[in-house]
C-alpha cells in the first residue's frame, strides 16, 4: 500500500458548496465522548453537540416547515391536553413554576402531530411519548433540532411492536430464557408476562423510571454505543440483579411491582456497573439475534409481513444457519476469537447423521425419547457429563432436519433440557435442510462431516424433496424470504428510477455537470450508488473530525469487537492531497475511520464515525478501482441530496468494502424503495 500514488488531476473540486463544521462545534462534539462508559458527567452544551452528532441530525432540515399543518388526528384534542401537561411538568421541575422553556404548547402539538403523521399513527394517545419528550425538552434544544432528535430516538432505539402482545416482549423472553432459564420459568409459572414489568422500559427508554440526571447519563452511553438492542440487555440485567429475591417471591402482583421499581432505586455508580454487565451478556448472545431481528423491531414503519412470524410459539432462541456456518462449519470465518463455541446436538436419526453432519457435532436422536425413553435418558446424561468435563463454556445448539415431522422430536428434546434449567440453549433455524441448501449453492458440501456419497444424503438424492418444511421453526428463513421479496420488488421498479440502483457498477452512469438539469424526484429516499466513472473527482475544502488527542486504541482490539462486521486497511487522501494510513471498521449501523497516532504508530485514534444512513453516494474510477470516494449528508425537503462531508480512500479490497456497506444498509432498511 505504501507505493500507491494518487493523480492530482483526479482530486479536483467535488462539490461547489456545502456546510462546514466549525472547530468550536467539533470540540463540543468530542468533549467527553470517548469515556462515556465511565458515567462521567458532561456539560449540557457538550451533551447537546454530542447527541446531535451521534444521532445523525447535524444539519438536518427544519421538518416543521414543510408539512400540511392539518391538526386532524383522531384524538387531536387529547394530544393537545398531553402537550399541556408535558410543558407544565417541565416548567415546574425544580420547583420553579415560572421557568421558561423554548417549547410552547402549540409548538409541541405541531411536533407531535407531524411525528404521528410521519409514523402513520392516527391516535397519539396510544403512544407513550410524554416521558421521553419531557427529558428532551430539559436539554433546551431549539424546536427543529428537538423534533429531529425525538424522531431519531423513536425510530432507532424504541421498538415498534410494543403493544401488550408485541414481538418485542416475545424476543425479550427468549433472550431471558437463553441466559437465565430458571428466572424465566419462575415468572412463566406465575403467568407474569414481560410486558407487565418492562413496558415502560421499552417504550420510554427508561425515561419514566429514572430521574432526569440519571436518564441523561444512561442515554449518553446508549447513543455512543449506537446499538438499539441495548435496551433488551439492560432489562435482562435489571431482572437478574434481583433474581434471588424474585425466586423466593410467590405473589404475582408483588413481583410485578418489585420489578417495576428496580430502576427507580439506581444511582450514578449503578449505571456504569449496569453497562459493564450488559456488555458481558451481549457478548454471550448469538450475533444473529441482533442481525436478523433488527428489521422486525426497529425503524420508521413496521413491515407488515413480519407481523405473522410466530415468536410467541418458539420454545427457545433461534440462530441463523449463517451463524452456525461461520462458527462451526467454516471455523474462523468471523476472523476473531469468539467468547464461546457451540456444542451442537444433532437430533436427527443415526442414518441421517451418518450421511452428513456438522463437524464436531454429537448425535442424540430425538426419536429415542419416544421409542426408548430410558436409553435416551442415559445417552443425554452421558453427553452432558462429557460437555461439563471437556467444554463447560460451550453453548448448546440443537440441530434438526428442518422438516416438520422430524423436528417435532427435536422440540421434545429441547423441552427436556429446558425443564432442567440448562442455560444458553438455542436451535438452528431451518436445520439441516437450510444448511444443505446454503452449502450446495456455494459448492461447500465437502465441509460437512461424513458427506462422502451424495446418493446416501437424503437431500442430495431427492428423497426429502416432497417433505414438508418446518413452518413454526423456520422463523429466520422466512424473514430472509421477506427481505428477498423486498429486494426483488426494488429491482422491478428500478427502471423507473435509474438513480436508485444500489451500488450498481454496471448500470449506474455518472451524469456530467452540464446534464444535471433535473432535481431528484420529490420525497424519494436518499440512496447510494457505486459508479464507475472516468471523470475527475472534485476537491472540497472541509475540516477533518477532531479526534481525542489522548485516545490510544489498538486495531487488533477494534476488529475483535463482536459488533464489527468487516474491517479494511488502506490509505486516506486528505484535503491537502497528502496521504495517510487509515483503518476502516464497519458495524451494522456505522462506519468508523481510524488514523495512526503520530507519536506512536502502534496505536490508532478515531478520525471519523459516520452513520450508514448518511451515506449518500460512493463512487470509484475505471482506471483506479481501488480509489473510493464517500459522500455523506442528508436529503433536503426538495428531494435533493445535501453533501456535508467527503472522504477519499485507496483500499485494495474496495469491492468488498462497497459490498459490505451495501449489505449493512440493506439490513438496516430492507424497505429502502417503498
Foldseek 3Di string as FASTA:
>chain_A
DVPDADDVQQAAAFDDDFDFDDPVLLVLQFVPQPPLLQLDDDDLSSLLSVLCVLLVPVPPDQPLVPDDPDQDFPPSVVLLVLLVVLVQVLCCPPNHSPDDFLDDSVLVSSLQSVLCVLLVHRDCVVAPCSLQLSLLSVSRDHSSSSSSSSSSCCQQAAWDQLDPPGVVQLVLLQLLCQAFLVLSVLCVVLVNGPSLACSCCRRRVCSVQEDSSLSSSLVSVVSSVSQNCLSSLLLSLLCVVCSVVSSVDDDNVVSSVVRNNSSNPDDSSVSSVSVVVSLVSVLLDAPQVSLQCQLQIGGSYHDVVLVPQCSNPDPHAEHELVSCCDQFLVNCNLVADRPAGEAEEEQDDPLQCLQWATPNHHYQHLCCCVVPVVVSVVVVVVVVVCCVVPPVRHAYEYAYAQFAVRCVSVVVVVVVVSVVRDHRYYYYASGPVVNVVVCVVVVNSVSIPNNPDLCSNCVSVVVCVPTHGHDNRNRSVVSVVVLVVLVVVCVVCCVVVVVQDAQPAPRDDDDDPVPPPDAADFPQFFHEYEYADADRRHADDHDWNDWDLPDWAAPSVVSNRPQFRDKFWFWWQDRVRDIFIWIWTDGLFKIWIWGANPVDRRTIITGDIGTLSQFRYWYAYPVQRQKIKTFGAGADNRRHTRTHDIIITRTPVSVVVSVVSSVSVCSNPSNSRD
